[in-house]
Amino acid sequence: KRRGVDKNGNVANYVETEQLIHVHNHTLSFIQTR
């Protein structure tokens, strides 16, 4: 029912997912959008 892009550049059902891993006082981040 909701597809594509609108006039402002927003895409339907946009999700940002971030995976964070913290080990030995270091934090790593990986971001995926869909």
PDB file of all heavy atoms in Angstrom:
ATOM      1  N   LYS A   1       0.828  -1.210   0.000  1.00  0.00           N
ATOM      2  CA  LYS A   1       0.000   0.000   0.000  1.00  0.00           C
ATOM      3  C   LYS A   1       0.861   1.258   0.000  1.00  0.00           C
ATOM      4  O   LYS A   1       0.430   2.304  -0.450  1.00  0.00           O
ATOM      5  CB  LYS A   1      -0.926   0.023   1.225  1.00  0.00           C
ATOM      6  CG  LYS A   1      -1.946  -1.085   1.189  1.00  0.00           C
ATOM      7  CD  LYS A   1      -2.874  -0.857   0.022  1.00  0.00           C
ATOM      8  CE  LYS A   1      -3.749  -2.055  -0.238  1.00  0.00           C
ATOM      9  NZ  LYS A   1      -4.270  -2.046  -1.590  1.00  0.00           N
ATOM     10  N   ARG A   2       2.064   1.173   0.555  1.00  0.00           N
ATOM     11  CA  ARG A   2       2.953   2.334   0.617  1.00  0.00           C
ATOM     12  C   ARG A   2       4.277   1.927  -0.022  1.00  0.00           C
ATOM     13  O   ARG A   2       4.989   1.098   0.504  1.00  0.00           O
ATOM     14  CB  ARG A   2       3.152   2.739   2.071  1.00  0.00           C
ATOM     15  CG  ARG A   2       4.019   3.937   2.272  1.00  0.00           C
ATOM     16  CD  ARG A   2       3.379   5.213   1.854  1.00  0.00           C
ATOM     17  NE  ARG A   2       2.313   5.510   2.807  1.00  0.00           N
ATOM     18  CZ  ARG A   2       1.517   6.545   2.704  1.00  0.00           C
ATOM     19  NH1 ARG A   2       1.658   7.382   1.716  1.00  0.00           N
ATOM     20  NH2 ARG A   2       0.578   6.755   3.579  1.00  0.00           N
ATOM     21  N   ARG A   3       4.580   2.527  -1.155  1.00  0.00           N
ATOM     22  CA  ARG A   3       5.776   2.177  -1.922  1.00  0.00           C
ATOM     23  C   ARG A   3       6.476   3.438  -2.421  1.00  0.00           C
ATOM     24  O   ARG A   3       5.888   4.515  -2.490  1.00  0.00           O
ATOM     25  CB  ARG A   3       5.402   1.317  -3.139  1.00  0.00           C
ATOM     26  CG  ARG A   3       4.794  -0.019  -2.806  1.00  0.00           C
ATOM     27  CD  ARG A   3       5.793  -0.902  -2.151  1.00  0.00           C
ATOM     28  NE  ARG A   3       5.431  -2.297  -2.357  1.00  0.00           N
ATOM     29  CZ  ARG A   3       6.049  -3.290  -1.774  1.00  0.00           C
ATOM     30  NH1 ARG A   3       7.036  -3.068  -0.960  1.00  0.00           N
ATOM     31  NH2 ARG A   3       5.686  -4.520  -1.992  1.00  0.00           N
ATOM     32  N   GLY A   4       7.732   3.293  -2.810  1.00  0.00           N
ATOM     33  CA  GLY A   4       8.454   4.338  -3.511  1.00  0.00           C
ATOM     34  C   GLY A   4       8.867   5.526  -2.665  1.00  0.00           C
ATOM     35  O   GLY A   4       9.021   5.444  -1.453  1.00  0.00           O
ATOM     36  N   VAL A   5       9.037   6.648  -3.369  1.00  0.00           N
ATOM     37  CA  VAL A   5       9.547   7.882  -2.789  1.00  0.00           C
ATOM     38  C   VAL A   5       8.468   8.970  -2.857  1.00  0.00           C
ATOM     39  O   VAL A   5       7.564   8.889  -3.695  1.00  0.00           O
ATOM     40  CB  VAL A   5      10.830   8.320  -3.549  1.00  0.00           C
ATOM     41  CG1 VAL A   5      10.520   8.761  -4.967  1.00  0.00           C
ATOM     42  CG2 VAL A   5      11.621   9.367  -2.811  1.00  0.00           C
ATOM     43  N   ASP A   6       8.560   9.965  -1.978  1.00  0.00           N
ATOM     44  CA  ASP A   6       7.646  11.106  -2.074  1.00  0.00           C
ATOM     45  C   ASP A   6       8.395  12.324  -2.603  1.00  0.00           C
ATOM     46  O   ASP A   6       9.602  12.258  -2.872  1.00  0.00           O
ATOM     47  CB  ASP A   6       6.943  11.383  -0.737  1.00  0.00           C
ATOM     48  CG  ASP A   6       7.868  11.909   0.352  1.00  0.00           C
ATOM     49  OD1 ASP A   6       9.034  12.262   0.064  1.00  0.00           O
ATOM     50  OD2 ASP A   6       7.428  11.969   1.515  1.00  0.00           O
ATOM     51  N   LYS A   7       7.723  13.453  -2.724  1.00  0.00           N
ATOM     52  CA  LYS A   7       8.308  14.653  -3.325  1.00  0.00           C
ATOM     53  C   LYS A   7       9.454  15.238  -2.505  1.00  0.00           C
ATOM     54  O   LYS A   7      10.248  16.020  -3.000  1.00  0.00           O
ATOM     55  CB  LYS A   7       7.235  15.712  -3.558  1.00  0.00           C
ATOM     56  CG  LYS A   7       6.603  16.217  -2.286  1.00  0.00           C
ATOM     57  CD  LYS A   7       5.532  17.238  -2.551  1.00  0.00           C
ATOM     58  CE  LYS A   7       4.912  17.600  -1.217  1.00  0.00           C
ATOM     59  NZ  LYS A   7       4.554  18.936  -1.074  1.00  0.00           N
ATOM     60  N   ASN A   8       9.572  14.829  -1.229  1.00  0.00           N
ATOM     61  CA  ASN A   8      10.643  15.317  -0.362  1.00  0.00           C
ATOM     62  C   ASN A   8      11.832  14.360  -0.287  1.00  0.00           C
ATOM     63  O   ASN A   8      12.783  14.616   0.447  1.00  0.00           O
ATOM     64  CB  ASN A   8      10.114  15.564   1.049  1.00  0.00           C
ATOM     65  CG  ASN A   8       9.032  16.616   1.066  1.00  0.00           C
ATOM     66  OD1 ASN A   8       9.161  17.653   0.422  1.00  0.00           O
ATOM     67  ND2 ASN A   8       7.960  16.343   1.763  1.00  0.00           N
ATOM     68  N   GLY A   9      11.751  13.227  -0.985  1.00  0.00           N
ATOM     69  CA  GLY A   9      12.838  12.259  -0.964  1.00  0.00           C
ATOM     70  C   GLY A   9      12.730  11.208   0.120  1.00  0.00           C
ATOM     71  O   GLY A   9      13.650  10.425   0.328  1.00  0.00           O
ATOM     72  N   ASN A  10      11.601  11.163   0.818  1.00  0.00           N
ATOM     73  CA  ASN A  10      11.386  10.126   1.839  1.00  0.00           C
ATOM     74  C   ASN A  10      10.895   8.862   1.167  1.00  0.00           C
ATOM     75  O   ASN A  10       9.978   8.907   0.356  1.00  0.00           O
ATOM     76  CB  ASN A  10      10.342  10.591   2.862  1.00  0.00           C
ATOM     77  CG  ASN A  10      10.766  11.834   3.586  1.00  0.00           C
ATOM     78  OD1 ASN A  10      11.827  11.875   4.177  1.00  0.00           O
ATOM     79  ND2 ASN A  10       9.938  12.865   3.533  1.00  0.00           N
ATOM     80  N   VAL A  11      11.503   7.725   1.522  1.00  0.00           N
ATOM     81  CA  VAL A  11      11.063   6.456   0.949  1.00  0.00           C
ATOM     82  C   VAL A  11      10.134   5.739   1.914  1.00  0.00           C
ATOM     83  O   VAL A  11      10.211   5.925   3.133  1.00  0.00           O
ATOM     84  CB  VAL A  11      12.243   5.533   0.570  1.00  0.00           C
ATOM     85  CG1 VAL A  11      13.083   6.160  -0.530  1.00  0.00           C
ATOM     86  CG2 VAL A  11      13.093   5.172   1.759  1.00  0.00           C
ATOM     87  N   ALA A  12       9.274   4.912   1.378  1.00  0.00           N
ATOM     88  CA  ALA A  12       8.305   4.174   2.184  1.00  0.00           C
ATOM     89  C   ALA A  12       9.011   3.165   3.088  1.00  0.00           C
ATOM     90  O   ALA A  12       9.988   2.528   2.691  1.00  0.00           O
ATOM     91  CB  ALA A  12       7.315   3.450   1.269  1.00  0.00           C
ATOM     92  N   ASN A  13       8.500   3.053   4.289  1.00  0.00           N
ATOM     93  CA  ASN A  13       8.928   2.050   5.262  1.00  0.00           C
ATOM     94  C   ASN A  13      10.439   2.018   5.477  1.00  0.00           C
ATOM     95  O   ASN A  13      11.055   0.959   5.515  1.00  0.00           O
ATOM     96  CB  ASN A  13       8.377   0.679   4.877  1.00  0.00           C
ATOM     97  CG  ASN A  13       6.874   0.699   4.884  1.00  0.00           C
ATOM     98  OD1 ASN A  13       6.257   1.112   5.861  1.00  0.00           O
ATOM     99  ND2 ASN A  13       6.260   0.316   3.781  1.00  0.00           N
ATOM    100  N   TYR A  14      11.012   3.185   5.665  1.00  0.00           N
ATOM    101  CA  TYR A  14      12.445   3.345   5.883  1.00  0.00           C
ATOM    102  C   TYR A  14      12.796   2.950   7.317  1.00  0.00           C
ATOM    103  O   TYR A  14      12.144   3.370   8.275  1.00  0.00           O
ATOM    104  CB  TYR A  14      12.832   4.803   5.640  1.00  0.00           C
ATOM    105  CG  TYR A  14      14.292   5.102   5.838  1.00  0.00           C
ATOM    106  CD1 TYR A  14      15.197   4.901   4.815  1.00  0.00           C
ATOM    107  CD2 TYR A  14      14.758   5.597   7.046  1.00  0.00           C
ATOM    108  CE1 TYR A  14      16.544   5.189   4.989  1.00  0.00           C
ATOM    109  CE2 TYR A  14      16.094   5.884   7.228  1.00  0.00           C
ATOM    110  CZ  TYR A  14      16.978   5.683   6.193  1.00  0.00           C
ATOM    111  OH  TYR A  14      18.308   5.961   6.369  1.00  0.00           O
ATOM    112  N   VAL A  15      13.839   2.139   7.472  1.00  0.00           N
ATOM    113  CA  VAL A  15      14.296   1.689   8.786  1.00  0.00           C
ATOM    114  C   VAL A  15      15.812   1.793   8.839  1.00  0.00           C
ATOM    115  O   VAL A  15      16.507   1.377   7.912  1.00  0.00           O
ATOM    116  CB  VAL A  15      13.883   0.223   9.072  1.00  0.00           C
ATOM    117  CG1 VAL A  15      14.411  -0.247  10.414  1.00  0.00           C
ATOM    118  CG2 VAL A  15      12.373   0.060   9.007  1.00  0.00           C
ATOM    119  N   GLU A  16      16.311   2.355   9.935  1.00  0.00           N
ATOM    120  CA  GLU A  16      17.752   2.387  10.193  1.00  0.00           C
ATOM    121  C   GLU A  16      18.026   1.413  11.331  1.00  0.00           C
ATOM    122  O   GLU A  16      17.386   1.488  12.381  1.00  0.00           O
ATOM    123  CB  GLU A  16      18.181   3.793  10.610  1.00  0.00           C
ATOM    124  CG  GLU A  16      19.645   3.868  10.997  1.00  0.00           C
ATOM    125  CD  GLU A  16      19.989   5.150  11.725  1.00  0.00           C
ATOM    126  OE1 GLU A  16      19.594   5.288  12.907  1.00  0.00           O
ATOM    127  OE2 GLU A  16      20.637   6.001  11.108  1.00  0.00           O
ATOM    128  N   THR A  17      18.950   0.476  11.111  1.00  0.00           N
ATOM    129  CA  THR A  17      19.315  -0.497  12.137  1.00  0.00           C
ATOM    130  C   THR A  17      20.796  -0.351  12.435  1.00  0.00           C
ATOM    131  O   THR A  17      21.623  -0.389  11.530  1.00  0.00           O
ATOM    132  CB  THR A  17      19.017  -1.938  11.681  1.00  0.00           C
ATOM    133  OG1 THR A  17      17.611  -2.046  11.413  1.00  0.00           O
ATOM    134  CG2 THR A  17      19.401  -2.948  12.750  1.00  0.00           C
ATOM    135  N   GLU A  18      21.099  -0.174  13.712  1.00  0.00           N
ATOM    136  CA  GLU A  18      22.494  -0.043  14.126  1.00  0.00           C
ATOM    137  C   GLU A  18      22.850  -1.200  15.043  1.00  0.00           C
ATOM    138  O   GLU A  18      22.126  -1.534  15.972  1.00  0.00           O
ATOM    139  CB  GLU A  18      22.715   1.283  14.856  1.00  0.00           C
ATOM    140  CG  GLU A  18      24.153   1.504  15.249  1.00  0.00           C
ATOM    141  CD  GLU A  18      24.428   2.918  15.743  1.00  0.00           C
ATOM    142  OE1 GLU A  18      23.463   3.682  15.946  1.00  0.00           O
ATOM    143  OE2 GLU A  18      25.609   3.253  15.920  1.00  0.00           O
ATOM    144  N   GLN A  19      23.983  -1.816  14.755  1.00  0.00           N
ATOM    145  CA  GLN A  19      24.518  -2.886  15.597  1.00  0.00           C
ATOM    146  C   GLN A  19      25.765  -2.323  16.274  1.00  0.00           C
ATOM    147  O   GLN A  19      26.673  -1.833  15.612  1.00  0.00           O
ATOM    148  CB  GLN A  19      24.893  -4.094  14.743  1.00  0.00           C
ATOM    149  CG  GLN A  19      25.533  -5.206  15.520  1.00  0.00           C
ATOM    150  CD  GLN A  19      25.940  -6.357  14.614  1.00  0.00           C
ATOM    151  OE1 GLN A  19      25.411  -6.543  13.541  1.00  0.00           O
ATOM    152  NE2 GLN A  19      26.915  -7.120  15.050  1.00  0.00           N
ATOM    153  N   LEU A  20      25.774  -2.372  17.597  1.00  0.00           N
ATOM    154  CA  LEU A  20      26.907  -1.885  18.378  1.00  0.00           C
ATOM    155  C   LEU A  20      27.539  -3.045  19.120  1.00  0.00           C
ATOM    156  O   LEU A  20      26.829  -3.872  19.717  1.00  0.00           O
ATOM    157  CB  LEU A  20      26.448  -0.838  19.390  1.00  0.00           C
ATOM    158  CG  LEU A  20      25.882   0.441  18.797  1.00  0.00           C
ATOM    159  CD1 LEU A  20      24.916   1.098  19.754  1.00  0.00           C
ATOM    160  CD2 LEU A  20      27.004   1.377  18.447  1.00  0.00           C
ATOM    161  N   ILE A  21      28.856  -3.104  19.108  1.00  0.00           N
ATOM    162  CA  ILE A  21      29.586  -4.122  19.863  1.00  0.00           C
ATOM    163  C   ILE A  21      30.627  -3.401  20.698  1.00  0.00           C
ATOM    164  O   ILE A  21      31.434  -2.628  20.166  1.00  0.00           O
ATOM    165  CB  ILE A  21      30.250  -5.155  18.934  1.00  0.00           C
ATOM    166  CG1 ILE A  21      29.194  -5.873  18.111  1.00  0.00           C
ATOM    167  CG2 ILE A  21      31.093  -6.145  19.745  1.00  0.00           C
ATOM    168  CD1 ILE A  21      29.735  -6.819  17.079  1.00  0.00           C
ATOM    169  N   HIS A  22      30.590  -3.636  22.005  1.00  0.00           N
ATOM    170  CA  HIS A  22      31.544  -3.016  22.917  1.00  0.00           C
ATOM    171  C   HIS A  22      32.387  -4.124  23.540  1.00  0.00           C
ATOM    172  O   HIS A  22      31.860  -5.043  24.156  1.00  0.00           O
ATOM    173  CB  HIS A  22      30.799  -2.230  24.006  1.00  0.00           C
ATOM    174  CG  HIS A  22      31.722  -1.544  24.948  1.00  0.00           C
ATOM    175  ND1 HIS A  22      32.323  -0.347  24.651  1.00  0.00           N
ATOM    176  CD2 HIS A  22      32.160  -1.892  26.188  1.00  0.00           C
ATOM    177  CE1 HIS A  22      33.090   0.028  25.661  1.00  0.00           C
ATOM    178  NE2 HIS A  22      33.003  -0.904  26.602  1.00  0.00           N
ATOM    179  N   VAL A  23      33.708  -4.034  23.347  1.00  0.00           N
ATOM    180  CA  VAL A  23      34.624  -5.022  23.910  1.00  0.00           C
ATOM    181  C   VAL A  23      35.966  -4.340  24.186  1.00  0.00           C
ATOM    182  O   VAL A  23      36.429  -3.527  23.385  1.00  0.00           O
ATOM    183  CB  VAL A  23      34.788  -6.249  22.984  1.00  0.00           C
ATOM    184  CG1 VAL A  23      35.409  -5.876  21.654  1.00  0.00           C
ATOM    185  CG2 VAL A  23      35.586  -7.354  23.665  1.00  0.00           C
ATOM    186  N   HIS A  24      36.579  -4.662  25.326  1.00  0.00           N
ATOM    187  CA  HIS A  24      37.891  -4.110  25.702  1.00  0.00           C
ATOM    188  C   HIS A  24      37.925  -2.582  25.562  1.00  0.00           C
ATOM    189  O   HIS A  24      38.842  -2.018  24.965  1.00  0.00           O
ATOM    190  CB  HIS A  24      39.015  -4.723  24.869  1.00  0.00           C
ATOM    191  CG  HIS A  24      39.197  -6.188  25.064  1.00  0.00           C
ATOM    192  ND1 HIS A  24      39.582  -6.746  26.268  1.00  0.00           N
ATOM    193  CD2 HIS A  24      39.052  -7.224  24.208  1.00  0.00           C
ATOM    194  CE1 HIS A  24      39.672  -8.051  26.135  1.00  0.00           C
ATOM    195  NE2 HIS A  24      39.343  -8.372  24.906  1.00  0.00           N
ATOM    196  N   ASN A  25      36.927  -1.896  26.059  1.00  0.00           N
ATOM    197  CA  ASN A  25      36.843  -0.426  26.024  1.00  0.00           C
ATOM    198  C   ASN A  25      36.805   0.162  24.612  1.00  0.00           C
ATOM    199  O   ASN A  25      37.155   1.312  24.398  1.00  0.00           O
ATOM    200  CB  ASN A  25      37.984   0.214  26.821  1.00  0.00           C
ATOM    201  CG  ASN A  25      37.882  -0.108  28.290  1.00  0.00           C
ATOM    202  OD1 ASN A  25      36.776  -0.115  28.846  1.00  0.00           O
ATOM    203  ND2 ASN A  25      38.993  -0.396  28.921  1.00  0.00           N
ATOM    204  N   HIS A  26      36.414  -0.633  23.644  1.00  0.00           N
ATOM    205  CA  HIS A  26      36.244  -0.164  22.271  1.00  0.00           C
ATOM    206  C   HIS A  26      34.805  -0.436  21.846  1.00  0.00           C
ATOM    207  O   HIS A  26      34.251  -1.489  22.158  1.00  0.00           O
ATOM    208  CB  HIS A  26      37.193  -0.891  21.304  1.00  0.00           C
ATOM    209  CG  HIS A  26      38.624  -0.644  21.588  1.00  0.00           C
ATOM    210  ND1 HIS A  26      39.267   0.514  21.229  1.00  0.00           N
ATOM    211  CD2 HIS A  26      39.556  -1.409  22.212  1.00  0.00           C
ATOM    212  CE1 HIS A  26      40.526   0.455  21.607  1.00  0.00           C
ATOM    213  NE2 HIS A  26      40.729  -0.706  22.213  1.00  0.00           N
ATOM    214  N   THR A  27      34.216   0.502  21.138  1.00  0.00           N
ATOM    215  CA  THR A  27      32.869   0.329  20.628  1.00  0.00           C
ATOM    216  C   THR A  27      32.899   0.385  19.112  1.00  0.00           C
ATOM    217  O   THR A  27      33.463   1.310  18.526  1.00  0.00           O
ATOM    218  CB  THR A  27      31.916   1.412  21.173  1.00  0.00           C
ATOM    219  OG1 THR A  27      31.939   1.352  22.602  1.00  0.00           O
ATOM    220  CG2 THR A  27      30.492   1.190  20.681  1.00  0.00           C
ATOM    221  N   LEU A  28      32.316  -0.623  18.490  1.00  0.00           N
ATOM    222  CA  LEU A  28      32.223  -0.703  17.037  1.00  0.00           C
ATOM    223  C   LEU A  28      30.764  -0.546  16.641  1.00  0.00           C
ATOM    224  O   LEU A  28      29.871  -1.035  17.332  1.00  0.00           O
ATOM    225  CB  LEU A  28      32.731  -2.066  16.549  1.00  0.00           C
ATOM    226  CG  LEU A  28      34.122  -2.462  17.035  1.00  0.00           C
ATOM    227  CD1 LEU A  28      34.330  -3.953  16.890  1.00  0.00           C
ATOM    228  CD2 LEU A  28      35.170  -1.692  16.274  1.00  0.00           C
ATOM    229  N   SER A  29      30.528   0.115  15.518  1.00  0.00           N
ATOM    230  CA  SER A  29      29.161   0.351  15.067  1.00  0.00           C
ATOM    231  C   SER A  29      29.033  -0.005  13.598  1.00  0.00           C
ATOM    232  O   SER A  29      29.928   0.295  12.798  1.00  0.00           O
ATOM    233  CB  SER A  29      28.805   1.823  15.270  1.00  0.00           C
ATOM    234  OG  SER A  29      27.584   2.123  14.642  1.00  0.00           O
ATOM    235  N   PHE A  30      27.936  -0.643  13.252  1.00  0.00           N
ATOM    236  CA  PHE A  30      27.601  -0.939  11.859  1.00  0.00           C
ATOM    237  C   PHE A  30      26.161  -0.515  11.647  1.00  0.00           C
ATOM    238  O   PHE A  30      25.277  -0.935  12.385  1.00  0.00           O
ATOM    239  CB  PHE A  30      27.773  -2.430  11.553  1.00  0.00           C
ATOM    240  CG  PHE A  30      27.367  -2.799  10.158  1.00  0.00           C
ATOM    241  CD1 PHE A  30      28.186  -2.499   9.082  1.00  0.00           C
ATOM    242  CD2 PHE A  30      26.154  -3.411   9.911  1.00  0.00           C
ATOM    243  CE1 PHE A  30      27.807  -2.819   7.789  1.00  0.00           C
ATOM    244  CE2 PHE A  30      25.764  -3.734   8.626  1.00  0.00           C
ATOM    245  CZ  PHE A  30      26.602  -3.443   7.556  1.00  0.00           C
ATOM    246  N   ILE A  31      25.929   0.335  10.658  1.00  0.00           N
ATOM    247  CA  ILE A  31      24.584   0.828  10.391  1.00  0.00           C
ATOM    248  C   ILE A  31      24.120   0.335   9.030  1.00  0.00           C
ATOM    249  O   ILE A  31      24.842   0.408   8.041  1.00  0.00           O
ATOM    250  CB  ILE A  31      24.530   2.368  10.430  1.00  0.00           C
ATOM    251  CG1 ILE A  31      24.886   2.857  11.834  1.00  0.00           C
ATOM    252  CG2 ILE A  31      23.154   2.864  10.015  1.00  0.00           C
ATOM    253  CD1 ILE A  31      24.942   4.354  11.976  1.00  0.00           C
ATOM    254  N   GLN A  32      22.904  -0.164   9.015  1.00  0.00           N
ATOM    255  CA  GLN A  32      22.253  -0.622   7.783  1.00  0.00           C
ATOM    256  C   GLN A  32      20.914   0.092   7.677  1.00  0.00           C
ATOM    257  O   GLN A  32      20.186   0.181   8.663  1.00  0.00           O
ATOM    258  CB  GLN A  32      22.056  -2.131   7.850  1.00  0.00           C
ATOM    259  CG  GLN A  32      21.275  -2.698   6.708  1.00  0.00           C
ATOM    260  CD  GLN A  32      21.092  -4.200   6.853  1.00  0.00           C
ATOM    261  OE1 GLN A  32      21.988  -4.915   7.248  1.00  0.00           O
ATOM    262  NE2 GLN A  32      19.907  -4.668   6.559  1.00  0.00           N
ATOM    263  N   THR A  33      20.622   0.609   6.499  1.00  0.00           N
ATOM    264  CA  THR A  33      19.319   1.221   6.282  1.00  0.00           C
ATOM    265  C   THR A  33      18.584   0.422   5.222  1.00  0.00           C
ATOM    266  O   THR A  33      19.202  -0.250   4.391  1.00  0.00           O
ATOM    267  CB  THR A  33      19.436   2.690   5.820  1.00  0.00           C
ATOM    268  OG1 THR A  33      20.142   2.746   4.587  1.00  0.00           O
ATOM    269  CG2 THR A  33      20.146   3.533   6.860  1.00  0.00           C
ATOM    270  N   ARG A  34      17.276   0.473   5.276  1.00  0.00           N
ATOM    271  CA  ARG A  34      16.474  -0.191   4.256  1.00  0.00           C
ATOM    272  C   ARG A  34      15.238   0.649   4.005  1.00  0.00           C
ATOM    273  O   ARG A  34      14.799   1.399   4.870  1.00  0.00           O
ATOM    274  CB  ARG A  34      16.080  -1.608   4.658  1.00  0.00           C
ATOM    275  CG  ARG A  34      15.074  -1.631   5.804  1.00  0.00           C
ATOM    276  CD  ARG A  34      14.157  -2.817   5.856  1.00  0.00           C
ATOM    277  NE  ARG A  34      13.460  -3.160   4.660  1.00  0.00           N
ATOM    278  CZ  ARG A  34      12.310  -2.646   4.239  1.00  0.00           C
ATOM    279  NH1 ARG A  34      11.710  -1.700   4.916  1.00  0.00           N
ATOM    280  NH2 ARG A  34      11.735  -3.076   3.148  1.00  0.00           N
TER     281      ARG A  34
END
